[in-house]
Amino acid sequence: MMTSCIAQQLEKPTAGLLGWLAKKFFERYNRVLEEGAVKLCDIQPDNVVLELGFGPGLGLQEAARRLTHPAGKLYGLDISEYMYNTASERLKAEIQAGKVTLFLGSVEHIPLGDSTLDRVYHCNCYYFWPDLRAGSREIHRVMKPGALMVTTLHLEGLQRAVAAGPLKDTKWQPELYMETLREIGFVNVYMEEQQMNGKPVHAIFATANKA
């Protein structure tokens, strides 16, 4: 019962004590992943960028700082209303300025046009998607040809969470995700270990191919 509750809050935090604890967990343990994903994306000042599963908004803050050109635009999509509200408050000034737009919804239905994005990044969320193939196909749709996507994860921590129970029924294996990306049409799909703040972080890179 408790394992199931933890898994639900990690996937879709809700208002209340458990959701608040999930938010604190993300703020403490996901910061390195969030900031690492933004760094590895090599975001340029005029890029159009999307973060999937933005949680409390740490990665959004980091990405927004890099979009210094008037054409630079940042989008975020999260399925949790609690996280949407939390991040909206955190990035209130950027949203009011028109630099940042947040959406409440699922990766299977991204409210953006075809070939819109220069960069996409996400951390610790692909294994929660209800349909890995449908989500990957939708991401590919909204990316420009040659656009880069970066996914970061703590592989050892993920393996521990699977062994402990909360993630045991998810499609968590990076190899499965990477193979799905290739089948959808991504190229140059690979994973490598990075050292960030003295911690090992694994990053998956994928480039949208629309030839």
C-alpha atoms as a PDB file:
ATOM      1  CA  MET A   1       0.000   0.000   0.000  1.00  0.00           C
ATOM      2  CA  MET A   2       2.688   2.514   0.997  1.00  0.00           C
ATOM      3  CA  THR A   3       4.864   1.516  -1.972  1.00  0.00           C
ATOM      4  CA  SER A   4       1.947   2.158  -4.296  1.00  0.00           C
ATOM      5  CA  CYS A   5       1.318   5.599  -2.749  1.00  0.00           C
ATOM      6  CA  ILE A   6       4.969   6.557  -3.163  1.00  0.00           C
ATOM      7  CA  ALA A   7       4.950   5.483  -6.803  1.00  0.00           C
ATOM      8  CA  GLN A   8       1.796   7.513  -7.459  1.00  0.00           C
ATOM      9  CA  GLN A   9       3.275  10.637  -5.894  1.00  0.00           C
ATOM     10  CA  LEU A  10       6.518  10.292  -7.822  1.00  0.00           C
ATOM     11  CA  GLU A  11       4.534   9.985 -11.038  1.00  0.00           C
ATOM     12  CA  LYS A  12       1.902  12.636 -10.336  1.00  0.00           C
ATOM     13  CA  PRO A  13       2.275  14.578  -7.073  1.00  0.00           C
ATOM     14  CA  THR A  14      -0.949  15.888  -5.587  1.00  0.00           C
ATOM     15  CA  ALA A  15      -1.657  18.647  -3.091  1.00  0.00           C
ATOM     16  CA  GLY A  16      -1.271  17.441   0.495  1.00  0.00           C
ATOM     17  CA  LEU A  17       1.453  16.011   2.703  1.00  0.00           C
ATOM     18  CA  LEU A  18       2.603  13.265   0.340  1.00  0.00           C
ATOM     19  CA  GLY A  19       2.735  15.640  -2.608  1.00  0.00           C
ATOM     20  CA  TRP A  20       4.652  18.168  -0.554  1.00  0.00           C
ATOM     21  CA  LEU A  21       7.152  15.472   0.414  1.00  0.00           C
ATOM     22  CA  ALA A  22       7.506  14.501  -3.248  1.00  0.00           C
ATOM     23  CA  LYS A  23       8.186  18.155  -4.108  1.00  0.00           C
ATOM     24  CA  LYS A  24      10.885  18.379  -1.438  1.00  0.00           C
ATOM     25  CA  PHE A  25      12.413  15.155  -2.749  1.00  0.00           C
ATOM     26  CA  PHE A  26      12.541  16.575  -6.276  1.00  0.00           C
ATOM     27  CA  GLU A  27      14.034  19.850  -5.068  1.00  0.00           C
ATOM     28  CA  ARG A  28      16.775  18.059  -3.176  1.00  0.00           C
ATOM     29  CA  TYR A  29      17.651  15.108  -5.397  1.00  0.00           C
ATOM     30  CA  ASN A  30      16.661  16.199  -8.905  1.00  0.00           C
ATOM     31  CA  ARG A  31      18.479  19.531  -8.986  1.00  0.00           C
ATOM     32  CA  VAL A  32      21.681  17.991 -10.353  1.00  0.00           C
ATOM     33  CA  LEU A  33      19.706  16.123 -13.017  1.00  0.00           C
ATOM     34  CA  GLU A  34      17.714  19.198 -13.994  1.00  0.00           C
ATOM     35  CA  GLU A  35      20.686  21.522 -14.221  1.00  0.00           C
ATOM     36  CA  GLY A  36      22.723  18.829 -15.935  1.00  0.00           C
ATOM     37  CA  ALA A  37      20.098  18.274 -18.626  1.00  0.00           C
ATOM     38  CA  VAL A  38      19.938  21.996 -19.340  1.00  0.00           C
ATOM     39  CA  LYS A  39      23.718  22.217 -19.574  1.00  0.00           C
ATOM     40  CA  LEU A  40      24.019  19.209 -21.875  1.00  0.00           C
ATOM     41  CA  CYS A  41      21.312  20.599 -24.163  1.00  0.00           C
ATOM     42  CA  ASP A  42      23.626  23.484 -25.003  1.00  0.00           C
ATOM     43  CA  ILE A  43      20.684  25.883 -25.148  1.00  0.00           C
ATOM     44  CA  GLN A  44      21.327  28.919 -27.321  1.00  0.00           C
ATOM     45  CA  PRO A  45      19.905  32.380 -26.490  1.00  0.00           C
ATOM     46  CA  ASP A  46      17.297  32.286 -29.286  1.00  0.00           C
ATOM     47  CA  ASN A  47      16.240  28.625 -28.973  1.00  0.00           C
ATOM     48  CA  VAL A  48      12.703  27.357 -28.502  1.00  0.00           C
ATOM     49  CA  VAL A  49      12.866  24.786 -25.697  1.00  0.00           C
ATOM     50  CA  LEU A  50      10.539  22.312 -23.965  1.00  0.00           C
ATOM     51  CA  GLU A  51      10.926  20.572 -20.615  1.00  0.00           C
ATOM     52  CA  LEU A  52       8.750  17.529 -20.034  1.00  0.00           C
ATOM     53  CA  GLY A  53       7.792  16.698 -16.451  1.00  0.00           C
ATOM     54  CA  PHE A  54       9.158  19.946 -15.043  1.00  0.00           C
ATOM     55  CA  GLY A  55       8.172  19.245 -11.422  1.00  0.00           C
ATOM     56  CA  PRO A  56       8.759  22.200  -9.084  1.00  0.00           C
ATOM     57  CA  GLY A  57      10.481  24.171 -11.867  1.00  0.00           C
ATOM     58  CA  LEU A  58      14.205  23.962 -11.077  1.00  0.00           C
ATOM     59  CA  GLY A  59      15.165  23.052 -14.624  1.00  0.00           C
ATOM     60  CA  LEU A  60      12.859  25.687 -16.045  1.00  0.00           C
ATOM     61  CA  GLN A  61      14.627  28.348 -14.016  1.00  0.00           C
ATOM     62  CA  GLU A  62      18.018  27.218 -15.295  1.00  0.00           C
ATOM     63  CA  ALA A  63      16.870  27.086 -18.913  1.00  0.00           C
ATOM     64  CA  ALA A  64      15.130  30.471 -18.757  1.00  0.00           C
ATOM     65  CA  ARG A  65      18.400  32.139 -17.708  1.00  0.00           C
ATOM     66  CA  ARG A  66      19.990  31.014 -20.976  1.00  0.00           C
ATOM     67  CA  LEU A  67      17.269  32.352 -23.281  1.00  0.00           C
ATOM     68  CA  THR A  68      18.473  35.935 -23.437  1.00  0.00           C
ATOM     69  CA  HIS A  69      17.459  36.675 -27.041  1.00  0.00           C
ATOM     70  CA  PRO A  70      13.936  38.062 -27.644  1.00  0.00           C
ATOM     71  CA  ALA A  71      13.199  35.047 -29.844  1.00  0.00           C
ATOM     72  CA  GLY A  72      14.089  32.629 -27.039  1.00  0.00           C
ATOM     73  CA  LYS A  73      11.055  30.791 -25.682  1.00  0.00           C
ATOM     74  CA  LEU A  74      10.620  28.128 -23.005  1.00  0.00           C
ATOM     75  CA  TYR A  75       7.703  25.713 -22.707  1.00  0.00           C
ATOM     76  CA  GLY A  76       6.993  23.239 -19.940  1.00  0.00           C
ATOM     77  CA  LEU A  77       4.559  20.319 -19.756  1.00  0.00           C
ATOM     78  CA  ASP A  78       3.622  18.395 -16.621  1.00  0.00           C
ATOM     79  CA  ILE A  79       0.751  16.074 -15.770  1.00  0.00           C
ATOM     80  CA  SER A  80       0.561  17.142 -12.108  1.00  0.00           C
ATOM     81  CA  GLU A  81      -1.652  20.122 -11.288  1.00  0.00           C
ATOM     82  CA  TYR A  82       0.239  20.551  -8.015  1.00  0.00           C
ATOM     83  CA  MET A  83       3.587  20.779  -9.825  1.00  0.00           C
ATOM     84  CA  TYR A  84       2.065  23.054 -12.453  1.00  0.00           C
ATOM     85  CA  ASN A  85       0.927  25.460  -9.739  1.00  0.00           C
ATOM     86  CA  THR A  86       4.255  25.235  -7.894  1.00  0.00           C
ATOM     87  CA  ALA A  87       6.338  25.946 -10.988  1.00  0.00           C
ATOM     88  CA  SER A  88       3.944  28.701 -12.105  1.00  0.00           C
ATOM     89  CA  GLU A  89       4.599  30.528  -8.863  1.00  0.00           C
ATOM     90  CA  ARG A  90       8.358  29.929  -9.061  1.00  0.00           C
ATOM     91  CA  LEU A  91       8.532  31.369 -12.606  1.00  0.00           C
ATOM     92  CA  LYS A  92       5.835  34.002 -12.206  1.00  0.00           C
ATOM     93  CA  ALA A  93       7.983  36.851 -13.541  1.00  0.00           C
ATOM     94  CA  GLU A  94       9.139  34.892 -16.608  1.00  0.00           C
ATOM     95  CA  ILE A  95       5.580  33.818 -17.387  1.00  0.00           C
ATOM     96  CA  GLN A  96       4.290  37.375 -17.109  1.00  0.00           C
ATOM     97  CA  ALA A  97       7.090  38.541 -19.405  1.00  0.00           C
ATOM     98  CA  GLY A  98       6.032  35.999 -22.033  1.00  0.00           C
ATOM     99  CA  LYS A  99       9.319  34.089 -21.979  1.00  0.00           C
ATOM    100  CA  VAL A 100       7.863  30.977 -20.332  1.00  0.00           C
ATOM    101  CA  THR A 101       4.597  29.137 -21.006  1.00  0.00           C
ATOM    102  CA  LEU A 102       3.529  26.136 -18.939  1.00  0.00           C
ATOM    103  CA  PHE A 103       1.017  23.480 -19.926  1.00  0.00           C
ATOM    104  CA  LEU A 104      -0.890  20.986 -17.795  1.00  0.00           C
ATOM    105  CA  GLY A 105      -1.168  17.727 -19.691  1.00  0.00           C
ATOM    106  CA  SER A 106       0.352  14.495 -20.942  1.00  0.00           C
ATOM    107  CA  VAL A 107       3.324  13.828 -23.201  1.00  0.00           C
ATOM    108  CA  GLU A 108       0.996  12.020 -25.627  1.00  0.00           C
ATOM    109  CA  HIS A 109      -0.657  15.357 -26.432  1.00  0.00           C
ATOM    110  CA  ILE A 110       1.875  18.205 -26.572  1.00  0.00           C
ATOM    111  CA  PRO A 111       0.015  21.465 -27.410  1.00  0.00           C
ATOM    112  CA  LEU A 112       2.615  22.717 -29.887  1.00  0.00           C
ATOM    113  CA  GLY A 113       2.841  22.715 -33.661  1.00  0.00           C
ATOM    114  CA  ASP A 114       4.939  20.411 -35.809  1.00  0.00           C
ATOM    115  CA  SER A 115       8.697  21.097 -35.940  1.00  0.00           C
ATOM    116  CA  THR A 116       8.562  23.853 -33.314  1.00  0.00           C
ATOM    117  CA  LEU A 117      11.411  23.030 -30.927  1.00  0.00           C
ATOM    118  CA  ASP A 118      15.187  23.345 -31.008  1.00  0.00           C
ATOM    119  CA  ARG A 119      15.740  21.529 -27.702  1.00  0.00           C
ATOM    120  CA  VAL A 120      13.818  19.120 -25.464  1.00  0.00           C
ATOM    121  CA  TYR A 121      14.920  17.785 -22.101  1.00  0.00           C
ATOM    122  CA  HIS A 122      13.457  15.770 -19.259  1.00  0.00           C
ATOM    123  CA  CYS A 123      14.599  14.062 -16.072  1.00  0.00           C
ATOM    124  CA  ASN A 124      13.300  10.934 -14.358  1.00  0.00           C
ATOM    125  CA  CYS A 125       9.998  10.674 -16.179  1.00  0.00           C
ATOM    126  CA  TYR A 126       9.969   8.531 -19.338  1.00  0.00           C
ATOM    127  CA  TYR A 127       9.225   5.373 -17.333  1.00  0.00           C
ATOM    128  CA  PHE A 128       5.994   6.933 -16.063  1.00  0.00           C
ATOM    129  CA  TRP A 129       4.586   7.567 -19.545  1.00  0.00           C
ATOM    130  CA  PRO A 130       1.502   5.387 -20.168  1.00  0.00           C
ATOM    131  CA  ASP A 131       2.598   4.656 -23.740  1.00  0.00           C
ATOM    132  CA  LEU A 132       6.338   5.009 -24.352  1.00  0.00           C
ATOM    133  CA  ARG A 133       5.978   4.794 -28.123  1.00  0.00           C
ATOM    134  CA  ALA A 134       3.129   7.315 -28.341  1.00  0.00           C
ATOM    135  CA  GLY A 135       4.984   9.777 -26.112  1.00  0.00           C
ATOM    136  CA  SER A 136       8.212   9.426 -28.082  1.00  0.00           C
ATOM    137  CA  ARG A 137       6.354   9.888 -31.380  1.00  0.00           C
ATOM    138  CA  GLU A 138       4.696  13.065 -30.119  1.00  0.00           C
ATOM    139  CA  ILE A 139       8.029  14.497 -28.963  1.00  0.00           C
ATOM    140  CA  HIS A 140       9.532  13.749 -32.376  1.00  0.00           C
ATOM    141  CA  ARG A 141       6.612  15.528 -34.048  1.00  0.00           C
ATOM    142  CA  VAL A 142       7.175  18.839 -32.262  1.00  0.00           C
ATOM    143  CA  MET A 143      10.983  18.856 -32.728  1.00  0.00           C
ATOM    144  CA  LYS A 144      12.669  20.570 -35.653  1.00  0.00           C
ATOM    145  CA  PRO A 145      14.861  18.447 -37.955  1.00  0.00           C
ATOM    146  CA  GLY A 146      18.222  18.104 -36.218  1.00  0.00           C
ATOM    147  CA  ALA A 147      16.841  19.242 -32.847  1.00  0.00           C
ATOM    148  CA  LEU A 148      18.422  17.684 -29.753  1.00  0.00           C
ATOM    149  CA  MET A 149      16.754  15.924 -26.830  1.00  0.00           C
ATOM    150  CA  VAL A 150      18.562  15.120 -23.578  1.00  0.00           C
ATOM    151  CA  THR A 151      17.305  12.829 -20.826  1.00  0.00           C
ATOM    152  CA  THR A 152      19.140  12.607 -17.498  1.00  0.00           C
ATOM    153  CA  LEU A 153      18.805   9.984 -14.772  1.00  0.00           C
ATOM    154  CA  HIS A 154      20.595   8.564 -11.749  1.00  0.00           C
ATOM    155  CA  LEU A 155      20.895   5.012 -13.042  1.00  0.00           C
ATOM    156  CA  GLU A 156      21.978   3.463  -9.741  1.00  0.00           C
ATOM    157  CA  GLY A 157      19.236   5.270  -7.828  1.00  0.00           C
ATOM    158  CA  LEU A 158      16.702   4.171 -10.414  1.00  0.00           C
ATOM    159  CA  GLN A 159      17.809   0.567 -10.083  1.00  0.00           C
ATOM    160  CA  ARG A 160      17.449   0.802  -6.292  1.00  0.00           C
ATOM    161  CA  ALA A 161      13.936   2.219  -6.649  1.00  0.00           C
ATOM    162  CA  VAL A 162      13.008  -0.653  -8.941  1.00  0.00           C
ATOM    163  CA  ALA A 163      14.417  -3.212  -6.497  1.00  0.00           C
ATOM    164  CA  ALA A 164      12.670  -1.566  -3.533  1.00  0.00           C
ATOM    165  CA  GLY A 165       9.301  -1.636  -5.252  1.00  0.00           C
ATOM    166  CA  PRO A 166       8.061   1.854  -6.228  1.00  0.00           C
ATOM    167  CA  LEU A 167       9.175   1.545  -9.858  1.00  0.00           C
ATOM    168  CA  LYS A 168       9.229  -2.226 -10.328  1.00  0.00           C
ATOM    169  CA  ASP A 169       6.286  -2.312 -12.760  1.00  0.00           C
ATOM    170  CA  THR A 170       7.515   0.522 -14.985  1.00  0.00           C
ATOM    171  CA  LYS A 171       9.365   0.332 -18.283  1.00  0.00           C
ATOM    172  CA  TRP A 172      12.431   1.846 -16.677  1.00  0.00           C
ATOM    173  CA  GLN A 173      15.243   0.275 -18.689  1.00  0.00           C
ATOM    174  CA  PRO A 174      17.192   2.964 -20.605  1.00  0.00           C
ATOM    175  CA  GLU A 175      17.857   0.471 -23.399  1.00  0.00           C
ATOM    176  CA  LEU A 176      14.114   0.028 -23.970  1.00  0.00           C
ATOM    177  CA  TYR A 177      13.608   3.779 -24.150  1.00  0.00           C
ATOM    178  CA  MET A 178      16.555   4.250 -26.502  1.00  0.00           C
ATOM    179  CA  GLU A 179      15.349   1.504 -28.839  1.00  0.00           C
ATOM    180  CA  THR A 180      11.909   3.099 -28.932  1.00  0.00           C
ATOM    181  CA  LEU A 181      13.455   6.437 -29.877  1.00  0.00           C
ATOM    182  CA  ARG A 182      15.352   4.821 -32.741  1.00  0.00           C
ATOM    183  CA  GLU A 183      12.213   3.101 -34.007  1.00  0.00           C
ATOM    184  CA  ILE A 184      10.313   6.396 -33.968  1.00  0.00           C
ATOM    185  CA  GLY A 185      12.936   8.149 -36.085  1.00  0.00           C
ATOM    186  CA  PHE A 186      15.551   9.584 -33.743  1.00  0.00           C
ATOM    187  CA  VAL A 187      19.197   9.196 -34.710  1.00  0.00           C
ATOM    188  CA  ASN A 188      22.487   9.438 -32.812  1.00  0.00           C
ATOM    189  CA  VAL A 189      20.787   7.861 -29.801  1.00  0.00           C
ATOM    190  CA  TYR A 190      23.302   6.992 -27.102  1.00  0.00           C
ATOM    191  CA  MET A 191      23.870   7.080 -23.343  1.00  0.00           C
ATOM    192  CA  GLU A 192      26.950   8.210 -21.491  1.00  0.00           C
ATOM    193  CA  GLU A 193      27.970   8.842 -17.896  1.00  0.00           C
ATOM    194  CA  GLN A 194      28.684  12.400 -16.822  1.00  0.00           C
ATOM    195  CA  GLN A 195      30.167  13.735 -13.586  1.00  0.00           C
ATOM    196  CA  MET A 196      28.076  16.593 -12.207  1.00  0.00           C
ATOM    197  CA  ASN A 197      28.824  18.161  -8.843  1.00  0.00           C
ATOM    198  CA  GLY A 198      30.905  15.095  -8.078  1.00  0.00           C
ATOM    199  CA  LYS A 199      28.004  12.717  -8.744  1.00  0.00           C
ATOM    200  CA  PRO A 200      27.623  10.205 -11.595  1.00  0.00           C
ATOM    201  CA  VAL A 201      24.720  11.089 -13.864  1.00  0.00           C
ATOM    202  CA  HIS A 202      23.693   9.189 -16.967  1.00  0.00           C
ATOM    203  CA  ALA A 203      22.494  11.158 -19.958  1.00  0.00           C
ATOM    204  CA  ILE A 204      20.655   9.896 -23.044  1.00  0.00           C
ATOM    205  CA  PHE A 205      21.070  11.954 -26.218  1.00  0.00           C
ATOM    206  CA  ALA A 206      18.802  11.769 -29.268  1.00  0.00           C
ATOM    207  CA  THR A 207      18.525  13.851 -32.429  1.00  0.00           C
ATOM    208  CA  ALA A 208      15.289  14.259 -34.390  1.00  0.00           C
ATOM    209  CA  ASN A 209      15.632  12.969 -37.958  1.00  0.00           C
ATOM    210  CA  LYS A 210      12.937  14.048 -40.416  1.00  0.00           C
ATOM    211  CA  ALA A 211      14.620  13.342 -43.724  1.00  0.00           C
END
